Every structure is written in structure tokens, then in C-alpha cells.
Amino acid sequence: MQRRALCLASAALIPGVLPAEPRAKPLLVLRTASQAALPLKFDRLNRSRPGICIEIIERLEANDLQLRFRGLERDLPLKRVVQALSTEEIDVFFSLIPTDERRRLVDFLEGPPLYVSRHQVAVRADDPVQVNSLDDLRALGPDGLVLTTHGTAYSEYLGQQTGIALYPQALNNDQNLRMLLLGRGRFFYHAGSSLREHIERNGLGAQLRILPAVFKVDEQRVACSRALPVAARSRLVLGLQSLAASGELQRLRERYGVA
């Protein structure tokens, strides 16, 4: 072993003889998609602020020149994303909350979460209501109708609770904001970061407010098809760990208000 090491070291000193370079990583192309109507995560036409998930993907590609993601031009609703993963139409998705229902259909990568989602509620600015717990929502009965977006982890979580007046039929967040403004619900229950993003983008800061209470905290993780090979999973996890170790992941969280 020592002789081999000496030979390699000697070879490095001989003009024209170079030590063997580490084997290059093979090209890895992964199929993915964007999530429709969620600019916090995907807003690819806004190059100054394209969404936290797009920026994470771009940094993974920059750090691993043989890693490529394809399909971000496709905007899929959330339920369709889960279906595409479960049927192996796409390989990975950035990102999902690992609910019980989703774990039955897809896998989630280990390693650092992309960020955390805090469950909060938005109300009309002229509504003096204050709630601090799910029990407070229950106590309001029919006067506390809660809007959620169909297919989301927030809708699934509230659907598991008892005694809360719930309307979980809206297909996107903008629809729920309109219903809230029209008085067709008293609360819109969702991630606080997404609520802020939608309210600011739609210029509704004078009409809606977000209550400070946090009802639950969830991790947002990279989801993958169950057919994705172990080597591909490990490569993604190593990439995410590198972003976390360098501080870049935390800087992105702070930039998008999800630290």
C-alpha cells in the first residue's frame, strides 16, 4: 500500500505525468414540474424573484454541473403533482409537506428540509376577531367558517379535526382570497408565508390581515417517485446538505420570508 502511494506521488512529480483525476459524475436528468398559482415557490417569469424552489434548483445545478432538471415550464395543480409522482410521470418535486396521505403514494428525501410552513389564518381587516387555537375556531361554530384550498396539507390537517366549520372546496388560493373578501368565509387557513405573498401581490394589505397565532408547523421536503434510484436520491441529498452547510439555503429562506 505504501509502495503504491509512493509511486503515485512520484508520478505526480514527473513532467507530463498527471495523477488520475476523480471520476466525473454521470449526467443525471430528473423530470419535475412547477406548482401552479404559488409564486412563493414558482414564479419563473419573474427573474428577479423566481420563487424559492426555482432558486434552490438553480443552485443545485450550479454546484453539480452534471445534474439537470427538466419540466419546470409545466404548471400543475397540487393534486396533479402528487398524481404525477405516484405514476412516475415525474421523478422529483420541490416541495411538499409529508402528510399521511402523501406518504402512501410517494417518498420524501431525507436531509435538510427546504423550509418550514407555519399554519396561520387570514381575516378581513375590519373583523376584530382574534383566535389563538383550534379550540377558538371550534367555539365560533358556524360563525367561524374556515376556508382551505383543496388538496393541500392544510386542508387535510383541518379535515382531521372535529367541530370546525370548514369549506375545503376552493381549487386555488386566489379563489379563497376572493371568497374571504366577499364574506363567504371568516378565515382562510394556509401557510402564513403564502398568505403574505398573495396578499402583497394582489394589493390587499388594507383589506386583509394575518393573525399572529401559529396552529402547526410543517417541514417542506423534496418529494420523489418511489422508482427513483437510490444513487439519484443520495446525490440530491448531498446537494441539499451542501447548500445548508454553506449557509445558502438559510439565505434563500430569509429572502423569501420562510426562515
Protein backbone atom coordinates (compact mmCIF):
# COMPACT_ATOMS: atom_id res chain seq x y z
CA MET A 1 0.00 0.00 0.00
CA GLN A 2 2.87 2.35 0.93
CA ARG A 3 4.70 1.45 -2.28
CA ARG A 4 1.60 2.28 -4.38
CA ALA A 5 1.25 5.63 -2.61
CA LEU A 6 4.93 6.41 -3.25
CA CYS A 7 4.57 5.51 -6.92
CA LEU A 8 1.56 7.80 -7.30
CA ALA A 9 3.37 10.61 -5.54
CA SER A 10 6.44 10.11 -7.74
CA ALA A 11 4.33 10.10 -10.88
CA ALA A 12 2.92 13.47 -9.92
CA LEU A 13 6.47 14.87 -9.95
CA ILE A 14 7.40 13.56 -13.40
CA PRO A 15 6.84 16.16 -16.16
CA GLY A 16 3.97 15.19 -18.42
CA VAL A 17 2.61 12.59 -15.99
CA LEU A 18 -0.51 13.61 -14.07
CA PRO A 19 -2.22 11.71 -11.25
CA ALA A 20 -5.57 10.18 -12.11
CA GLU A 21 -8.46 12.62 -11.64
CA PRO A 22 -11.57 11.64 -9.66
CA ARG A 23 -14.16 10.00 -11.87
CA ALA A 24 -16.67 12.56 -13.17
CA LYS A 25 -20.26 12.24 -12.03
CA PRO A 26 -22.60 10.78 -14.64
CA LEU A 27 -25.21 13.01 -16.20
CA LEU A 28 -28.45 12.89 -14.20
CA VAL A 29 -31.58 14.41 -15.75
CA LEU A 30 -34.63 14.49 -13.49
CA ARG A 31 -38.18 15.21 -14.58
CA THR A 32 -40.07 17.71 -12.46
CA ALA A 33 -42.76 20.41 -12.69
CA SER A 34 -43.79 23.74 -11.20
CA GLN A 35 -46.77 24.21 -8.90
CA ALA A 36 -49.49 26.38 -10.38
CA ALA A 37 -50.58 29.60 -8.66
CA LEU A 38 -47.97 29.56 -5.89
CA PRO A 39 -45.45 32.36 -6.64
CA LEU A 40 -43.64 31.91 -3.33
CA LYS A 41 -42.30 28.63 -4.72
CA PHE A 42 -42.55 29.05 -8.50
CA ASP A 43 -42.65 32.35 -10.39
CA ARG A 44 -40.24 31.61 -13.23
CA LEU A 45 -41.20 34.64 -15.38
CA ASN A 46 -40.05 36.95 -12.58
CA ARG A 47 -36.29 36.65 -12.99
CA SER A 48 -35.51 38.93 -10.04
CA ARG A 49 -37.58 36.74 -7.69
CA PRO A 50 -38.42 33.43 -9.42
CA GLY A 51 -39.53 31.55 -6.30
CA ILE A 52 -37.62 29.77 -3.57
CA CYS A 53 -37.94 26.32 -5.15
CA ILE A 54 -36.64 27.51 -8.52
CA GLU A 55 -33.69 29.22 -6.83
CA ILE A 56 -32.85 26.05 -4.90
CA ILE A 57 -32.99 24.03 -8.13
CA GLU A 58 -30.73 26.56 -9.89
CA ARG A 59 -28.14 26.34 -7.11
CA LEU A 60 -28.20 22.54 -7.12
CA GLU A 61 -27.48 22.61 -10.87
CA ALA A 62 -24.73 25.22 -10.45
CA ASN A 63 -22.97 23.10 -7.82
CA ASP A 64 -23.34 19.84 -9.78
CA LEU A 65 -22.79 20.52 -13.49
CA GLN A 66 -23.97 17.02 -14.41
CA LEU A 67 -27.33 17.45 -12.68
CA ARG A 68 -30.25 18.80 -14.68
CA PHE A 69 -33.97 19.29 -14.03
CA ARG A 70 -36.48 19.27 -16.87
CA GLY A 71 -40.15 20.27 -16.91
CA LEU A 72 -40.32 23.47 -14.86
CA GLU A 73 -42.29 25.08 -17.68
CA ARG A 74 -45.26 22.85 -16.73
CA ASP A 75 -47.58 24.36 -14.11
CA LEU A 76 -49.53 21.64 -12.31
CA PRO A 77 -52.14 21.94 -9.55
CA LEU A 78 -51.09 20.31 -6.30
CA LYS A 79 -53.24 17.18 -6.61
CA ARG A 80 -51.89 16.66 -10.11
CA VAL A 81 -48.31 16.93 -8.81
CA VAL A 82 -48.88 14.10 -6.34
CA GLN A 83 -50.51 12.02 -9.05
CA ALA A 84 -47.61 12.63 -11.45
CA LEU A 85 -45.14 11.46 -8.81
CA SER A 86 -47.16 8.38 -7.91
CA THR A 87 -47.48 7.31 -11.57
CA GLU A 88 -43.77 8.01 -12.26
CA GLU A 89 -44.60 10.74 -14.77
CA ILE A 90 -42.13 12.97 -12.92
CA ASP A 91 -39.17 11.98 -10.74
CA VAL A 92 -38.99 14.72 -8.12
CA PHE A 93 -40.88 17.76 -6.89
CA PHE A 94 -39.77 20.76 -4.82
CA SER A 95 -41.53 20.62 -2.39
CA LEU A 96 -44.36 19.00 -0.42
CA ILE A 97 -45.38 18.63 3.20
CA PRO A 98 -45.15 14.91 4.07
CA THR A 99 -48.74 14.15 5.09
CA ASP A 100 -50.01 10.65 5.84
CA GLU A 101 -51.99 10.58 2.60
CA ARG A 102 -48.98 11.60 0.51
CA ARG A 103 -46.63 9.11 2.20
CA ARG A 104 -48.87 6.34 0.94
CA LEU A 105 -48.18 7.46 -2.63
CA VAL A 106 -44.70 8.99 -2.82
CA ASP A 107 -41.37 9.11 -0.98
CA PHE A 108 -39.64 12.06 0.67
CA LEU A 109 -35.90 12.71 0.72
CA GLU A 110 -34.01 12.75 3.98
CA GLY A 111 -31.60 15.58 4.74
CA PRO A 112 -32.39 19.23 5.41
CA PRO A 113 -35.94 20.44 4.76
CA LEU A 114 -36.19 23.25 2.24
CA TYR A 115 -38.07 25.41 4.74
CA VAL A 116 -40.93 25.25 7.24
CA SER A 117 -44.56 26.24 6.76
CA ARG A 118 -46.45 27.82 9.65
CA HIS A 119 -50.22 27.29 9.65
CA GLN A 120 -51.96 30.66 10.12
CA VAL A 121 -55.23 32.35 9.18
CA ALA A 122 -56.09 35.48 7.24
CA VAL A 123 -59.21 37.51 8.06
CA ARG A 124 -60.78 40.71 6.77
CA ALA A 125 -59.14 43.82 8.17
CA ASP A 126 -62.44 45.12 9.58
CA ASP A 127 -63.10 41.88 11.50
CA PRO A 128 -61.95 42.30 15.14
CA VAL A 129 -61.83 38.52 15.73
CA GLN A 130 -58.81 37.00 17.48
CA VAL A 131 -58.14 33.27 17.67
CA ASN A 132 -55.17 31.52 19.26
CA SER A 133 -56.00 27.83 18.94
CA LEU A 134 -58.14 25.29 17.13
CA ASP A 135 -60.45 25.34 20.15
CA ASP A 136 -61.07 29.03 19.49
CA LEU A 137 -62.12 28.15 15.93
CA ARG A 138 -64.41 25.40 17.23
CA ALA A 139 -66.03 27.77 19.71
CA LEU A 140 -67.17 30.06 16.89
CA GLY A 141 -69.22 27.29 15.28
CA PRO A 142 -70.93 28.32 12.01
CA ASP A 143 -69.83 31.93 12.58
CA GLY A 144 -66.22 30.81 12.14
CA LEU A 145 -66.33 29.21 8.69
CA VAL A 146 -62.76 28.33 7.67
CA LEU A 147 -61.71 28.30 4.00
CA THR A 148 -58.98 25.91 2.86
CA THR A 149 -57.56 25.06 -0.55
CA HIS A 150 -58.46 21.62 -1.86
CA GLY A 151 -55.63 19.08 -1.93
CA THR A 152 -53.29 20.96 0.41
CA ALA A 153 -51.74 19.71 3.64
CA TYR A 154 -53.61 22.49 5.44
CA SER A 155 -56.96 21.24 4.18
CA GLU A 156 -56.04 17.65 5.07
CA TYR A 157 -55.00 18.65 8.60
CA LEU A 158 -58.14 20.64 9.36
CA GLY A 159 -60.25 17.88 7.85
CA GLN A 160 -58.89 15.54 10.53
CA GLN A 161 -60.11 17.85 13.29
CA THR A 162 -63.62 17.79 14.74
CA GLY A 163 -66.06 20.59 15.38
CA ILE A 164 -64.60 23.15 12.95
CA ALA A 165 -66.86 24.70 10.30
CA LEU A 166 -64.87 24.04 7.14
CA TYR A 167 -65.17 24.83 3.43
CA PRO A 168 -62.39 22.88 1.63
CA GLN A 169 -63.58 23.14 -1.96
CA ALA A 170 -61.64 26.07 -3.46
CA LEU A 171 -59.14 24.95 -6.10
CA ASN A 172 -56.57 27.69 -5.52
CA ASN A 173 -55.54 30.35 -3.03
CA ASP A 174 -56.75 33.31 -5.09
CA GLN A 175 -60.25 31.86 -5.10
CA ASN A 176 -60.19 31.66 -1.31
CA LEU A 177 -58.97 35.25 -1.02
CA ARG A 178 -61.91 36.41 -3.14
CA MET A 179 -64.35 34.40 -1.03
CA LEU A 180 -62.87 35.86 2.15
CA LEU A 181 -63.25 39.41 0.82
CA LEU A 182 -66.87 38.70 -0.12
CA GLY A 183 -67.66 37.39 3.36
CA ARG A 184 -68.22 33.81 2.22
CA GLY A 185 -65.87 32.63 4.93
CA ARG A 186 -64.42 34.21 8.05
CA PHE A 187 -60.94 32.68 7.95
CA PHE A 188 -58.56 31.46 5.25
CA TYR A 189 -56.30 28.79 6.75
CA HIS A 190 -52.99 28.30 4.95
CA ALA A 191 -49.22 28.82 5.26
CA GLY A 192 -48.53 32.26 6.68
CA SER A 193 -45.74 32.86 4.15
CA SER A 194 -48.02 32.10 1.19
CA LEU A 195 -50.82 34.21 2.66
CA ARG A 196 -48.46 37.18 2.92
CA GLU A 197 -47.19 36.65 -0.63
CA HIS A 198 -50.70 36.50 -2.12
CA ILE A 199 -51.98 39.48 -0.11
CA GLU A 200 -49.00 41.64 -1.10
CA ARG A 201 -49.08 40.66 -4.78
CA ASN A 202 -52.79 41.41 -5.03
CA GLY A 203 -52.53 44.73 -3.16
CA LEU A 204 -54.89 43.57 -0.41
CA GLY A 205 -52.89 44.74 2.60
CA ALA A 206 -55.56 47.29 3.56
CA GLN A 207 -58.38 44.75 3.27
CA LEU A 208 -56.94 41.60 4.81
CA ARG A 209 -54.71 40.82 7.77
CA ILE A 210 -52.95 37.70 9.06
CA LEU A 211 -53.46 36.75 12.69
CA PRO A 212 -50.26 36.00 14.64
CA ALA A 213 -51.32 32.61 16.04
CA VAL A 214 -49.45 29.60 14.59
CA PHE A 215 -51.55 26.44 14.72
CA LYS A 216 -48.99 23.97 13.40
CA VAL A 217 -45.50 23.91 11.85
CA ASP A 218 -44.63 21.57 8.95
CA GLU A 219 -41.46 20.86 7.01
CA GLN A 220 -41.39 21.34 3.26
CA ARG A 221 -39.38 18.49 1.70
CA VAL A 222 -38.37 17.24 -1.73
CA ALA A 223 -40.81 14.53 -2.81
CA CYS A 224 -39.81 11.79 -5.24
CA SER A 225 -41.26 8.90 -7.18
CA ARG A 226 -40.83 5.54 -5.49
CA ALA A 227 -39.00 4.40 -8.63
CA LEU A 228 -36.22 6.99 -8.25
CA PRO A 229 -32.91 5.09 -7.82
CA VAL A 230 -31.03 5.27 -4.53
CA ALA A 231 -28.00 6.83 -6.25
CA ALA A 232 -30.11 9.72 -7.55
CA ARG A 233 -31.67 10.26 -4.13
CA SER A 234 -28.26 10.30 -2.45
CA ARG A 235 -26.94 12.82 -4.95
CA LEU A 236 -29.84 15.18 -4.29
CA VAL A 237 -29.47 14.84 -0.52
CA LEU A 238 -25.74 15.60 -0.76
CA GLY A 239 -26.55 18.66 -2.85
CA LEU A 240 -29.06 19.93 -0.30
CA GLN A 241 -26.64 19.25 2.56
CA SER A 242 -24.01 21.30 0.74
CA LEU A 243 -26.44 24.23 0.34
CA ALA A 244 -27.29 24.01 4.04
CA ALA A 245 -23.64 23.81 5.14
CA SER A 246 -22.65 26.84 3.05
CA GLY A 247 -25.48 28.94 4.50
CA GLU A 248 -27.04 29.41 1.05
CA LEU A 249 -30.22 27.54 1.97
CA GLN A 250 -30.75 29.75 5.00
CA ARG A 251 -30.13 32.88 2.92
CA LEU A 252 -32.84 31.79 0.50
CA ARG A 253 -35.24 31.12 3.37
CA GLU A 254 -34.64 34.63 4.68
CA ARG A 255 -35.03 36.16 1.21
CA TYR A 256 -38.48 34.58 0.85
CA GLY A 257 -39.63 35.11 4.43
CA VAL A 258 -39.70 31.43 5.43
CA ALA A 259 -36.72 31.32 7.81
